[in-house]
Amino acid sequence: GHSYKLLLELEGSLGSEAMILDFYNVEMIVKPLIELLDHSFVCDKNDELMINFLKGNGFKHYILDSYSTCENLATFFAKELSAKFKKDSPNIEKITVRVYETADSYAETSVEL
């Protein structure tokens, strides 16, 4: 029942169009991941009781390799997004992901590409 907010910072060198990456391209990379988790019950892969309940009742869910803490969600987003940005945007050198659980509580992590 959380309403998380994701803040993404990109660092890198300017490309031929005088920008690091067009916002449209950022959206095309980030949006599928957001849609994957949006309105999903996010749970730990070891919580078999909850996974069986969610599957058995047709609830949208996503299974993480770890507990669904704000820190682990920030790490998950950073890992997933860094792989995509590294593949599609060679001038990006670093990403920082901040996941807000409340208006003033968050976890943050950075990845060098």
PDB file of N, CA and C in Angstrom:
ATOM      1  N   GLY A   1       0.776  -1.190   0.000  1.00  0.00           N
ATOM      2  CA  GLY A   1       0.000   0.000   0.000  1.00  0.00           C
ATOM      3  C   GLY A   1       0.823   1.262   0.000  1.00  0.00           C
ATOM      4  N   HIS A   2       1.999   1.257  -0.582  1.00  0.00           N
ATOM      5  CA  HIS A   2       2.805   2.476  -0.647  1.00  0.00           C
ATOM      6  C   HIS A   2       2.623   3.169  -1.989  1.00  0.00           C
ATOM      7  N   SER A   3       2.848   4.454  -1.983  1.00  0.00           N
ATOM      8  CA  SER A   3       2.884   5.237  -3.214  1.00  0.00           C
ATOM      9  C   SER A   3       4.290   5.786  -3.353  1.00  0.00           C
ATOM     10  N   TYR A   4       5.135   5.033  -3.991  1.00  0.00           N
ATOM     11  CA  TYR A   4       6.525   5.422  -4.136  1.00  0.00           C
ATOM     12  C   TYR A   4       6.690   6.487  -5.206  1.00  0.00           C
ATOM     13  N   LYS A   5       7.779   7.223  -5.088  1.00  0.00           N
ATOM     14  CA  LYS A   5       8.156   8.212  -6.092  1.00  0.00           C
ATOM     15  C   LYS A   5       9.614   7.935  -6.458  1.00  0.00           C
ATOM     16  N   LEU A   6       9.902   7.938  -7.742  1.00  0.00           N
ATOM     17  CA  LEU A   6      11.247   7.648  -8.233  1.00  0.00           C
ATOM     18  C   LEU A   6      11.872   8.915  -8.787  1.00  0.00           C
ATOM     19  N   LEU A   7      13.079   9.212  -8.330  1.00  0.00           N
ATOM     20  CA  LEU A   7      13.852  10.326  -8.863  1.00  0.00           C
ATOM     21  C   LEU A   7      15.083   9.732  -9.520  1.00  0.00           C
ATOM     22  N   LEU A   8      15.326  10.095 -10.766  1.00  0.00           N
ATOM     23  CA  LEU A   8      16.446   9.562 -11.526  1.00  0.00           C
ATOM     24  C   LEU A   8      17.345  10.707 -11.967  1.00  0.00           C
ATOM     25  N   GLU A   9      18.637  10.605 -11.680  1.00  0.00           N
ATOM     26  CA  GLU A   9      19.623  11.584 -12.131  1.00  0.00           C
ATOM     27  C   GLU A   9      20.584  10.893 -13.081  1.00  0.00           C
ATOM     28  N   LEU A  10      20.849  11.544 -14.205  1.00  0.00           N
ATOM     29  CA  LEU A  10      21.787  11.022 -15.194  1.00  0.00           C
ATOM     30  C   LEU A  10      22.970  11.973 -15.285  1.00  0.00           C
ATOM     31  N   GLU A  11      24.172  11.420 -15.282  1.00  0.00           N
ATOM     32  CA  GLU A  11      25.381  12.215 -15.463  1.00  0.00           C
ATOM     33  C   GLU A  11      26.143  11.654 -16.647  1.00  0.00           C
ATOM     34  N   GLY A  12      26.717  12.553 -17.432  1.00  0.00           N
ATOM     35  CA  GLY A  12      27.492  12.106 -18.574  1.00  0.00           C
ATOM     36  C   GLY A  12      27.917  13.265 -19.441  1.00  0.00           C
ATOM     37  N   SER A  13      28.424  12.943 -20.603  1.00  0.00           N
ATOM     38  CA  SER A  13      28.888  13.956 -21.542  1.00  0.00           C
ATOM     39  C   SER A  13      27.783  14.281 -22.542  1.00  0.00           C
ATOM     40  N   LEU A  14      27.817  15.507 -23.025  1.00  0.00           N
ATOM     41  CA  LEU A  14      26.823  15.925 -24.003  1.00  0.00           C
ATOM     42  C   LEU A  14      27.046  15.210 -25.321  1.00  0.00           C
ATOM     43  N   GLY A  15      25.946  14.802 -25.942  1.00  0.00           N
ATOM     44  CA  GLY A  15      26.012  14.164 -27.247  1.00  0.00           C
ATOM     45  C   GLY A  15      25.971  15.204 -28.353  1.00  0.00           C
ATOM     46  N   SER A  16      25.836  14.749 -29.564  1.00  0.00           N
ATOM     47  CA  SER A  16      25.838  15.633 -30.732  1.00  0.00           C
ATOM     48  C   SER A  16      24.677  16.620 -30.735  1.00  0.00           C
ATOM     49  N   GLU A  17      23.607  16.331 -29.993  1.00  0.00           N
ATOM     50  CA  GLU A  17      22.442  17.221 -29.936  1.00  0.00           C
ATOM     51  C   GLU A  17      22.482  18.148 -28.725  1.00  0.00           C
ATOM     52  N   ALA A  18      23.669  18.287 -28.096  1.00  0.00           N
ATOM     53  CA  ALA A  18      23.892  19.170 -26.941  1.00  0.00           C
ATOM     54  C   ALA A  18      23.062  18.784 -25.719  1.00  0.00           C
ATOM     55  N   MET A  19      22.832  17.492 -25.544  1.00  0.00           N
ATOM     56  CA  MET A  19      22.149  16.992 -24.350  1.00  0.00           C
ATOM     57  C   MET A  19      22.708  15.607 -24.022  1.00  0.00           C
ATOM     58  N   ILE A  20      22.555  15.218 -22.786  1.00  0.00           N
ATOM     59  CA  ILE A  20      23.003  13.880 -22.381  1.00  0.00           C
ATOM     60  C   ILE A  20      22.098  12.831 -23.009  1.00  0.00           C
ATOM     61  N   LEU A  21      20.797  13.051 -22.894  1.00  0.00           N
ATOM     62  CA  LEU A  21      19.819  12.137 -23.480  1.00  0.00           C
ATOM     63  C   LEU A  21      18.491  12.856 -23.568  1.00  0.00           C
ATOM     64  N   ASP A  22      17.810  12.719 -24.669  1.00  0.00           N
ATOM     65  CA  ASP A  22      16.502  13.319 -24.859  1.00  0.00           C
ATOM     66  C   ASP A  22      15.532  12.735 -23.830  1.00  0.00           C
ATOM     67  N   PHE A  23      14.684  13.590 -23.257  1.00  0.00           N
ATOM     68  CA  PHE A  23      13.730  13.127 -22.254  1.00  0.00           C
ATOM     69  C   PHE A  23      12.795  12.048 -22.797  1.00  0.00           C
ATOM     70  N   TYR A  24      12.499  12.091 -24.067  1.00  0.00           N
ATOM     71  CA  TYR A  24      11.677  11.049 -24.682  1.00  0.00           C
ATOM     72  C   TYR A  24      12.364   9.694 -24.532  1.00  0.00           C
ATOM     73  N   ASN A  25      13.666   9.652 -24.777  1.00  0.00           N
ATOM     74  CA  ASN A  25      14.413   8.395 -24.654  1.00  0.00           C
ATOM     75  C   ASN A  25      14.480   7.930 -23.202  1.00  0.00           C
ATOM     76  N   VAL A  26      14.591   8.881 -22.293  1.00  0.00           N
ATOM     77  CA  VAL A  26      14.575   8.532 -20.867  1.00  0.00           C
ATOM     78  C   VAL A  26      13.249   7.855 -20.537  1.00  0.00           C
ATOM     79  N   GLU A  27      12.166   8.450 -20.997  1.00  0.00           N
ATOM     80  CA  GLU A  27      10.842   7.876 -20.736  1.00  0.00           C
ATOM     81  C   GLU A  27      10.705   6.480 -21.342  1.00  0.00           C
ATOM     82  N   MET A  28      11.223   6.271 -22.534  1.00  0.00           N
ATOM     83  CA  MET A  28      11.125   4.967 -23.192  1.00  0.00           C
ATOM     84  C   MET A  28      11.910   3.893 -22.437  1.00  0.00           C
ATOM     85  N   ILE A  29      12.937   4.297 -21.711  1.00  0.00           N
ATOM     86  CA  ILE A  29      13.715   3.343 -20.926  1.00  0.00           C
ATOM     87  C   ILE A  29      13.072   3.099 -19.563  1.00  0.00           C
ATOM     88  N   VAL A  30      12.599   4.155 -18.927  1.00  0.00           N
ATOM     89  CA  VAL A  30      12.091   4.054 -17.555  1.00  0.00           C
ATOM     90  C   VAL A  30      10.646   3.561 -17.491  1.00  0.00           C
ATOM     91  N   LYS A  31       9.813   4.000 -18.401  1.00  0.00           N
ATOM     92  CA  LYS A  31       8.376   3.710 -18.337  1.00  0.00           C
ATOM     93  C   LYS A  31       8.032   2.216 -18.261  1.00  0.00           C
ATOM     94  N   PRO A  32       8.655   1.344 -19.058  1.00  0.00           N
ATOM     95  CA  PRO A  32       8.299  -0.087 -18.945  1.00  0.00           C
ATOM     96  C   PRO A  32       8.573  -0.669 -17.557  1.00  0.00           C
ATOM     97  N   LEU A  33       9.621  -0.200 -16.914  1.00  0.00           N
ATOM     98  CA  LEU A  33       9.938  -0.694 -15.577  1.00  0.00           C
ATOM     99  C   LEU A  33       8.921  -0.186 -14.564  1.00  0.00           C
ATOM    100  N   ILE A  34       8.527   1.068 -14.701  1.00  0.00           N
ATOM    101  CA  ILE A  34       7.497   1.624 -13.813  1.00  0.00           C
ATOM    102  C   ILE A  34       6.183   0.863 -14.002  1.00  0.00           C
ATOM    103  N   GLU A  35       5.798   0.628 -15.252  1.00  0.00           N
ATOM    104  CA  GLU A  35       4.548  -0.082 -15.528  1.00  0.00           C
ATOM    105  C   GLU A  35       4.568  -1.509 -14.995  1.00  0.00           C
ATOM    106  N   LEU A  36       5.746  -2.106 -14.972  1.00  0.00           N
ATOM    107  CA  LEU A  36       5.887  -3.460 -14.436  1.00  0.00           C
ATOM    108  C   LEU A  36       5.509  -3.510 -12.957  1.00  0.00           C
ATOM    109  N   LEU A  37       5.889  -2.462 -12.219  1.00  0.00           N
ATOM    110  CA  LEU A  37       5.654  -2.453 -10.776  1.00  0.00           C
ATOM    111  C   LEU A  37       4.419  -1.657 -10.356  1.00  0.00           C
ATOM    112  N   ASP A  38       3.918  -0.781 -11.220  1.00  0.00           N
ATOM    113  CA  ASP A  38       2.788   0.071 -10.871  1.00  0.00           C
ATOM    114  C   ASP A  38       1.567  -0.771 -10.518  1.00  0.00           C
ATOM    115  N   HIS A  39       0.994  -0.495  -9.369  1.00  0.00           N
ATOM    116  CA  HIS A  39      -0.178  -1.210  -8.855  1.00  0.00           C
ATOM    117  C   HIS A  39       0.078  -2.714  -8.694  1.00  0.00           C
ATOM    118  N   SER A  40       1.339  -3.059  -8.454  1.00  0.00           N
ATOM    119  CA  SER A  40       1.702  -4.458  -8.202  1.00  0.00           C
ATOM    120  C   SER A  40       1.967  -4.657  -6.721  1.00  0.00           C
ATOM    121  N   PHE A  41       1.736  -5.855  -6.274  1.00  0.00           N
ATOM    122  CA  PHE A  41       2.176  -6.246  -4.939  1.00  0.00           C
ATOM    123  C   PHE A  41       3.601  -6.751  -5.124  1.00  0.00           C
ATOM    124  N   VAL A  42       4.555  -6.079  -4.509  1.00  0.00           N
ATOM    125  CA  VAL A  42       5.965  -6.447  -4.636  1.00  0.00           C
ATOM    126  C   VAL A  42       6.352  -7.259  -3.405  1.00  0.00           C
ATOM    127  N   CYS A  43       6.849  -8.468  -3.652  1.00  0.00           N
ATOM    128  CA  CYS A  43       7.194  -9.314  -2.501  1.00  0.00           C
ATOM    129  C   CYS A  43       8.484 -10.096  -2.738  1.00  0.00           C
ATOM    130  N   ASP A  44       9.008 -10.582  -1.658  1.00  0.00           N
ATOM    131  CA  ASP A  44      10.242 -11.358  -1.620  1.00  0.00           C
ATOM    132  C   ASP A  44      10.022 -12.741  -2.226  1.00  0.00           C
ATOM    133  N   LYS A  45      11.012 -13.224  -2.960  1.00  0.00           N
ATOM    134  CA  LYS A  45      10.895 -14.524  -3.626  1.00  0.00           C
ATOM    135  C   LYS A  45      10.724 -15.684  -2.656  1.00  0.00           C
ATOM    136  N   ASN A  46      11.069 -15.492  -1.395  1.00  0.00           N
ATOM    137  CA  ASN A  46      10.956 -16.562  -0.407  1.00  0.00           C
ATOM    138  C   ASN A  46       9.603 -16.584   0.316  1.00  0.00           C
ATOM    139  N   ASP A  47       8.743 -15.631   0.022  1.00  0.00           N
ATOM    140  CA  ASP A  47       7.437 -15.559   0.676  1.00  0.00           C
ATOM    141  C   ASP A  47       6.435 -16.396  -0.126  1.00  0.00           C
ATOM    142  N   GLU A  48       6.582 -17.708  -0.040  1.00  0.00           N
ATOM    143  CA  GLU A  48       5.767 -18.627  -0.829  1.00  0.00           C
ATOM    144  C   GLU A  48       4.276 -18.501  -0.534  1.00  0.00           C
ATOM    145  N   LEU A  49       3.928 -18.279   0.717  1.00  0.00           N
ATOM    146  CA  LEU A  49       2.518 -18.146   1.085  1.00  0.00           C
ATOM    147  C   LEU A  49       1.883 -16.966   0.344  1.00  0.00           C
ATOM    148  N   MET A  50       2.567 -15.816   0.350  1.00  0.00           N
ATOM    149  CA  MET A  50       2.029 -14.625  -0.322  1.00  0.00           C
ATOM    150  C   MET A  50       2.015 -14.809  -1.837  1.00  0.00           C
ATOM    151  N   ILE A  51       3.065 -15.377  -2.388  1.00  0.00           N
ATOM    152  CA  ILE A  51       3.134 -15.589  -3.842  1.00  0.00           C
ATOM    153  C   ILE A  51       1.997 -16.501  -4.290  1.00  0.00           C
ATOM    154  N   ASN A  52       1.761 -17.577  -3.562  1.00  0.00           N
ATOM    155  CA  ASN A  52       0.664 -18.492  -3.910  1.00  0.00           C
ATOM    156  C   ASN A  52      -0.693 -17.790  -3.817  1.00  0.00           C
ATOM    157  N   PHE A  53      -0.869 -16.963  -2.786  1.00  0.00           N
ATOM    158  CA  PHE A  53      -2.113 -16.215  -2.630  1.00  0.00           C
ATOM    159  C   PHE A  53      -2.321 -15.262  -3.803  1.00  0.00           C
ATOM    160  N   LEU A  54      -1.264 -14.513  -4.154  1.00  0.00           N
ATOM    161  CA  LEU A  54      -1.367 -13.536  -5.244  1.00  0.00           C
ATOM    162  C   LEU A  54      -1.659 -14.216  -6.577  1.00  0.00           C
ATOM    163  N   LYS A  55      -0.937 -15.295  -6.855  1.00  0.00           N
ATOM    164  CA  LYS A  55      -1.164 -16.029  -8.105  1.00  0.00           C
ATOM    165  C   LYS A  55      -2.553 -16.654  -8.128  1.00  0.00           C
ATOM    166  N   GLY A  56      -2.932 -17.244  -7.018  1.00  0.00           N
ATOM    167  CA  GLY A  56      -4.226 -17.927  -6.944  1.00  0.00           C
ATOM    168  C   GLY A  56      -5.414 -17.006  -7.096  1.00  0.00           C
ATOM    169  N   ASN A  57      -5.223 -15.735  -6.769  1.00  0.00           N
ATOM    170  CA  ASN A  57      -6.325 -14.781  -6.848  1.00  0.00           C
ATOM    171  C   ASN A  57      -6.173 -13.787  -7.995  1.00  0.00           C
ATOM    172  N   GLY A  58      -5.187 -14.013  -8.846  1.00  0.00           N
ATOM    173  CA  GLY A  58      -5.025 -13.192 -10.038  1.00  0.00           C
ATOM    174  C   GLY A  58      -4.570 -11.768  -9.787  1.00  0.00           C
ATOM    175  N   PHE A  59      -3.887 -11.532  -8.670  1.00  0.00           N
ATOM    176  CA  PHE A  59      -3.410 -10.185  -8.367  1.00  0.00           C
ATOM    177  C   PHE A  59      -2.111  -9.887  -9.120  1.00  0.00           C
ATOM    178  N   LYS A  60      -2.000  -8.650  -9.585  1.00  0.00           N
ATOM    179  CA  LYS A  60      -0.766  -8.213 -10.229  1.00  0.00           C
ATOM    180  C   LYS A  60       0.319  -8.172  -9.155  1.00  0.00           C
ATOM    181  N   HIS A  61       1.444  -8.797  -9.468  1.00  0.00           N
ATOM    182  CA  HIS A  61       2.521  -8.840  -8.487  1.00  0.00           C
ATOM    183  C   HIS A  61       3.870  -8.896  -9.192  1.00  0.00           C
ATOM    184  N   TYR A  62       4.897  -8.567  -8.430  1.00  0.00           N
ATOM    185  CA  TYR A  62       6.266  -8.679  -8.923  1.00  0.00           C
ATOM    186  C   TYR A  62       7.097  -9.271  -7.801  1.00  0.00           C
ATOM    187  N   ILE A  63       7.927 -10.242  -8.146  1.00  0.00           N
ATOM    188  CA  ILE A  63       8.724 -10.948  -7.147  1.00  0.00           C
ATOM    189  C   ILE A  63      10.161 -10.450  -7.215  1.00  0.00           C
ATOM    190  N   LEU A  64      10.640  -9.927  -6.087  1.00  0.00           N
ATOM    191  CA  LEU A  64      12.023  -9.473  -5.962  1.00  0.00           C
ATOM    192  C   LEU A  64      12.888 -10.583  -5.377  1.00  0.00           C
ATOM    193  N   ASP A  65      14.176 -10.472  -5.589  1.00  0.00           N
ATOM    194  CA  ASP A  65      15.113 -11.436  -5.008  1.00  0.00           C
ATOM    195  C   ASP A  65      15.338 -11.181  -3.522  1.00  0.00           C
ATOM    196  N   SER A  66      14.810 -10.085  -3.006  1.00  0.00           N
ATOM    197  CA  SER A  66      15.032  -9.712  -1.608  1.00  0.00           C
ATOM    198  C   SER A  66      13.770  -9.042  -1.059  1.00  0.00           C
ATOM    199  N   TYR A  67      13.825  -8.658   0.216  1.00  0.00           N
ATOM    200  CA  TYR A  67      12.688  -7.967   0.822  1.00  0.00           C
ATOM    201  C   TYR A  67      12.393  -6.680   0.062  1.00  0.00           C
ATOM    202  N   SER A  68      11.151  -6.279   0.045  1.00  0.00           N
ATOM    203  CA  SER A  68      10.736  -5.096  -0.717  1.00  0.00           C
ATOM    204  C   SER A  68      10.889  -3.808   0.092  1.00  0.00           C
ATOM    205  N   THR A  69      12.077  -3.615   0.652  1.00  0.00           N
ATOM    206  CA  THR A  69      12.355  -2.377   1.367  1.00  0.00           C
ATOM    207  C   THR A  69      12.646  -1.269   0.369  1.00  0.00           C
ATOM    208  N   CYS A  70      12.576  -0.051   0.820  1.00  0.00           N
ATOM    209  CA  CYS A  70      12.874   1.092  -0.031  1.00  0.00           C
ATOM    210  C   CYS A  70      14.325   1.002  -0.541  1.00  0.00           C
ATOM    211  N   GLU A  71      15.238   0.562   0.320  1.00  0.00           N
ATOM    212  CA  GLU A  71      16.640   0.406  -0.068  1.00  0.00           C
ATOM    213  C   GLU A  71      16.800  -0.634  -1.175  1.00  0.00           C
ATOM    214  N   ASN A  72      16.114  -1.751  -1.024  1.00  0.00           N
ATOM    215  CA  ASN A  72      16.203  -2.796  -2.048  1.00  0.00           C
ATOM    216  C   ASN A  72      15.522  -2.389  -3.349  1.00  0.00           C
ATOM    217  N   LEU A  73      14.451  -1.610  -3.254  1.00  0.00           N
ATOM    218  CA  LEU A  73      13.809  -1.117  -4.472  1.00  0.00           C
ATOM    219  C   LEU A  73      14.720  -0.137  -5.211  1.00  0.00           C
ATOM    220  N   ALA A  74      15.407   0.729  -4.478  1.00  0.00           N
ATOM    221  CA  ALA A  74      16.359   1.650  -5.111  1.00  0.00           C
ATOM    222  C   ALA A  74      17.471   0.869  -5.810  1.00  0.00           C
ATOM    223  N   THR A  75      17.975  -0.157  -5.166  1.00  0.00           N
ATOM    224  CA  THR A  75      19.014  -0.997  -5.764  1.00  0.00           C
ATOM    225  C   THR A  75      18.484  -1.723  -6.989  1.00  0.00           C
ATOM    226  N   PHE A  76      17.278  -2.235  -6.912  1.00  0.00           N
ATOM    227  CA  PHE A  76      16.641  -2.916  -8.052  1.00  0.00           C
ATOM    228  C   PHE A  76      16.527  -1.975  -9.247  1.00  0.00           C
ATOM    229  N   PHE A  77      15.976  -0.776  -9.019  1.00  0.00           N
ATOM    230  CA  PHE A  77      15.842   0.190 -10.108  1.00  0.00           C
ATOM    231  C   PHE A  77      17.199   0.570 -10.684  1.00  0.00           C
ATOM    232  N   ALA A  78      18.179   0.789  -9.819  1.00  0.00           N
ATOM    233  CA  ALA A  78      19.510   1.173 -10.293  1.00  0.00           C
ATOM    234  C   ALA A  78      20.125   0.077 -11.157  1.00  0.00           C
ATOM    235  N   LYS A  79      19.976  -1.155 -10.734  1.00  0.00           N
ATOM    236  CA  LYS A  79      20.532  -2.277 -11.498  1.00  0.00           C
ATOM    237  C   LYS A  79      19.847  -2.411 -12.853  1.00  0.00           C
ATOM    238  N   GLU A  80      18.534  -2.390 -12.849  1.00  0.00           N
ATOM    239  CA  GLU A  80      17.775  -2.547 -14.090  1.00  0.00           C
ATOM    240  C   GLU A  80      18.022  -1.378 -15.046  1.00  0.00           C
ATOM    241  N   LEU A  81      17.960  -0.169 -14.522  1.00  0.00           N
ATOM    242  CA  LEU A  81      18.112   1.008 -15.377  1.00  0.00           C
ATOM    243  C   LEU A  81      19.547   1.192 -15.854  1.00  0.00           C
ATOM    244  N   SER A  82      20.518   0.887 -15.020  1.00  0.00           N
ATOM    245  CA  SER A  82      21.916   1.051 -15.452  1.00  0.00           C
ATOM    246  C   SER A  82      22.228   0.126 -16.624  1.00  0.00           C
ATOM    247  N   ALA A  83      21.686  -1.067 -16.613  1.00  0.00           N
ATOM    248  CA  ALA A  83      21.914  -1.996 -17.731  1.00  0.00           C
ATOM    249  C   ALA A  83      21.317  -1.436 -19.021  1.00  0.00           C
ATOM    250  N   LYS A  84      20.127  -0.868 -18.924  1.00  0.00           N
ATOM    251  CA  LYS A  84      19.463  -0.320 -20.112  1.00  0.00           C
ATOM    252  C   LYS A  84      20.165   0.941 -20.618  1.00  0.00           C
ATOM    253  N   PHE A  85      20.535   1.838 -19.699  1.00  0.00           N
ATOM    254  CA  PHE A  85      21.215   3.060 -20.122  1.00  0.00           C
ATOM    255  C   PHE A  85      22.603   2.746 -20.679  1.00  0.00           C
ATOM    256  N   LYS A  86      23.286   1.796 -20.093  1.00  0.00           N
ATOM    257  CA  LYS A  86      24.617   1.431 -20.575  1.00  0.00           C
ATOM    258  C   LYS A  86      24.541   0.907 -22.011  1.00  0.00           C
ATOM    259  N   LYS A  87      23.506   0.129 -22.286  1.00  0.00           N
ATOM    260  CA  LYS A  87      23.320  -0.466 -23.617  1.00  0.00           C
ATOM    261  C   LYS A  87      22.905   0.581 -24.651  1.00  0.00           C
ATOM    262  N   ASP A  88      21.972   1.458 -24.283  1.00  0.00           N
ATOM    263  CA  ASP A  88      21.351   2.364 -25.245  1.00  0.00           C
ATOM    264  C   ASP A  88      21.939   3.777 -25.278  1.00  0.00           C
ATOM    265  N   SER A  89      22.712   4.142 -24.262  1.00  0.00           N
ATOM    266  CA  SER A  89      23.179   5.531 -24.145  1.00  0.00           C
ATOM    267  C   SER A  89      24.628   5.568 -23.679  1.00  0.00           C
ATOM    268  N   PRO A  90      25.573   5.401 -24.600  1.00  0.00           N
ATOM    269  CA  PRO A  90      26.980   5.272 -24.215  1.00  0.00           C
ATOM    270  C   PRO A  90      27.599   6.514 -23.585  1.00  0.00           C
ATOM    271  N   ASN A  91      26.989   7.680 -23.735  1.00  0.00           N
ATOM    272  CA  ASN A  91      27.563   8.884 -23.139  1.00  0.00           C
ATOM    273  C   ASN A  91      27.149   9.092 -21.678  1.00  0.00           C
ATOM    274  N   ILE A  92      26.262   8.245 -21.153  1.00  0.00           N
ATOM    275  CA  ILE A  92      25.889   8.336 -19.742  1.00  0.00           C
ATOM    276  C   ILE A  92      26.947   7.613 -18.916  1.00  0.00           C
ATOM    277  N   GLU A  93      27.464   8.311 -17.905  1.00  0.00           N
ATOM    278  CA  GLU A  93      28.561   7.793 -17.091  1.00  0.00           C
ATOM    279  C   GLU A  93      28.123   7.330 -15.710  1.00  0.00           C
ATOM    280  N   LYS A  94      27.013   7.890 -15.213  1.00  0.00           N
ATOM    281  CA  LYS A  94      26.563   7.556 -13.861  1.00  0.00           C
ATOM    282  C   LYS A  94      25.068   7.804 -13.756  1.00  0.00           C
ATOM    283  N   ILE A  95      24.390   6.916 -13.047  1.00  0.00           N
ATOM    284  CA  ILE A  95      22.979   7.167 -12.722  1.00  0.00           C
ATOM    285  C   ILE A  95      22.827   7.128 -11.205  1.00  0.00           C
ATOM    286  N   THR A  96      21.920   7.943 -10.721  1.00  0.00           N
ATOM    287  CA  THR A  96      21.561   7.945  -9.314  1.00  0.00           C
ATOM    288  C   THR A  96      20.060   7.750  -9.231  1.00  0.00           C
ATOM    289  N   VAL A  97      19.651   6.831  -8.391  1.00  0.00           N
ATOM    290  CA  VAL A  97      18.238   6.516  -8.211  1.00  0.00           C
ATOM    291  C   VAL A  97      17.872   6.803  -6.766  1.00  0.00           C
ATOM    292  N   ARG A  98      16.810   7.564  -6.606  1.00  0.00           N
ATOM    293  CA  ARG A  98      16.278   7.844  -5.270  1.00  0.00           C
ATOM    294  C   ARG A  98      14.825   7.389  -5.268  1.00  0.00           C
ATOM    295  N   VAL A  99      14.470   6.547  -4.322  1.00  0.00           N
ATOM    296  CA  VAL A  99      13.096   6.064  -4.190  1.00  0.00           C
ATOM    297  C   VAL A  99      12.525   6.622  -2.890  1.00  0.00           C
ATOM    298  N   TYR A 100      11.478   7.431  -3.047  1.00  0.00           N
ATOM    299  CA  TYR A 100      10.781   8.003  -1.896  1.00  0.00           C
ATOM    300  C   TYR A 100       9.671   7.062  -1.470  1.00  0.00           C
ATOM    301  N   GLU A 101       9.652   6.755  -0.180  1.00  0.00           N
ATOM    302  CA  GLU A 101       8.554   5.971   0.387  1.00  0.00           C
ATOM    303  C   GLU A 101       7.483   6.908   0.945  1.00  0.00           C
ATOM    304  N   THR A 102       7.931   8.039   1.467  1.00  0.00           N
ATOM    305  CA  THR A 102       7.038   9.113   1.912  1.00  0.00           C
ATOM    306  C   THR A 102       7.605  10.411   1.349  1.00  0.00           C
ATOM    307  N   ALA A 103       6.973  11.530   1.680  1.00  0.00           N
ATOM    308  CA  ALA A 103       7.420  12.816   1.149  1.00  0.00           C
ATOM    309  C   ALA A 103       8.851  13.163   1.554  1.00  0.00           C
ATOM    310  N   ASP A 104       9.296  12.664   2.706  1.00  0.00           N
ATOM    311  CA  ASP A 104      10.645  13.012   3.161  1.00  0.00           C
ATOM    312  C   ASP A 104      11.493  11.815   3.599  1.00  0.00           C
ATOM    313  N   SER A 105      11.078  10.616   3.250  1.00  0.00           N
ATOM    314  CA  SER A 105      11.850   9.401   3.565  1.00  0.00           C
ATOM    315  C   SER A 105      12.194   8.691   2.268  1.00  0.00           C
ATOM    316  N   TYR A 106      13.477   8.453   2.063  1.00  0.00           N
ATOM    317  CA  TYR A 106      13.903   7.844   0.804  1.00  0.00           C
ATOM    318  C   TYR A 106      15.171   7.030   0.992  1.00  0.00           C
ATOM    319  N   ALA A 107      15.462   6.224  -0.022  1.00  0.00           N
ATOM    320  CA  ALA A 107      16.728   5.499  -0.129  1.00  0.00           C
ATOM    321  C   ALA A 107      17.321   5.868  -1.490  1.00  0.00           C
ATOM    322  N   GLU A 108      18.640   5.963  -1.528  1.00  0.00           N
ATOM    323  CA  GLU A 108      19.303   6.406  -2.742  1.00  0.00           C
ATOM    324  C   GLU A 108      20.542   5.557  -3.000  1.00  0.00           C
ATOM    325  N   THR A 109      20.801   5.306  -4.270  1.00  0.00           N
ATOM    326  CA  THR A 109      22.011   4.589  -4.657  1.00  0.00           C
ATOM    327  C   THR A 109      22.457   5.099  -6.025  1.00  0.00           C
ATOM    328  N   SER A 110      23.756   4.988  -6.278  1.00  0.00           N
ATOM    329  CA  SER A 110      24.335   5.425  -7.554  1.00  0.00           C
ATOM    330  C   SER A 110      25.114   4.286  -8.177  1.00  0.00           C
ATOM    331  N   VAL A 111      25.167   4.301  -9.525  1.00  0.00           N
ATOM    332  CA  VAL A 111      25.903   3.289 -10.271  1.00  0.00           C
ATOM    333  C   VAL A 111      26.726   3.995 -11.332  1.00  0.00           C
ATOM    334  N   GLU A 112      28.036   3.706 -11.344  1.00  0.00           N
ATOM    335  CA  GLU A 112      28.920   4.180 -12.405  1.00  0.00           C
ATOM    336  C   GLU A 112      28.769   3.233 -13.586  1.00  0.00           C
ATOM    337  N   LEU A 113      28.637   3.783 -14.790  1.00  0.00           N
ATOM    338  CA  LEU A 113      28.452   2.922 -15.971  1.00  0.00           C
ATOM    339  C   LEU A 113      29.762   2.730 -16.707  1.00  0.00           C
TER     340      LEU A 113
END
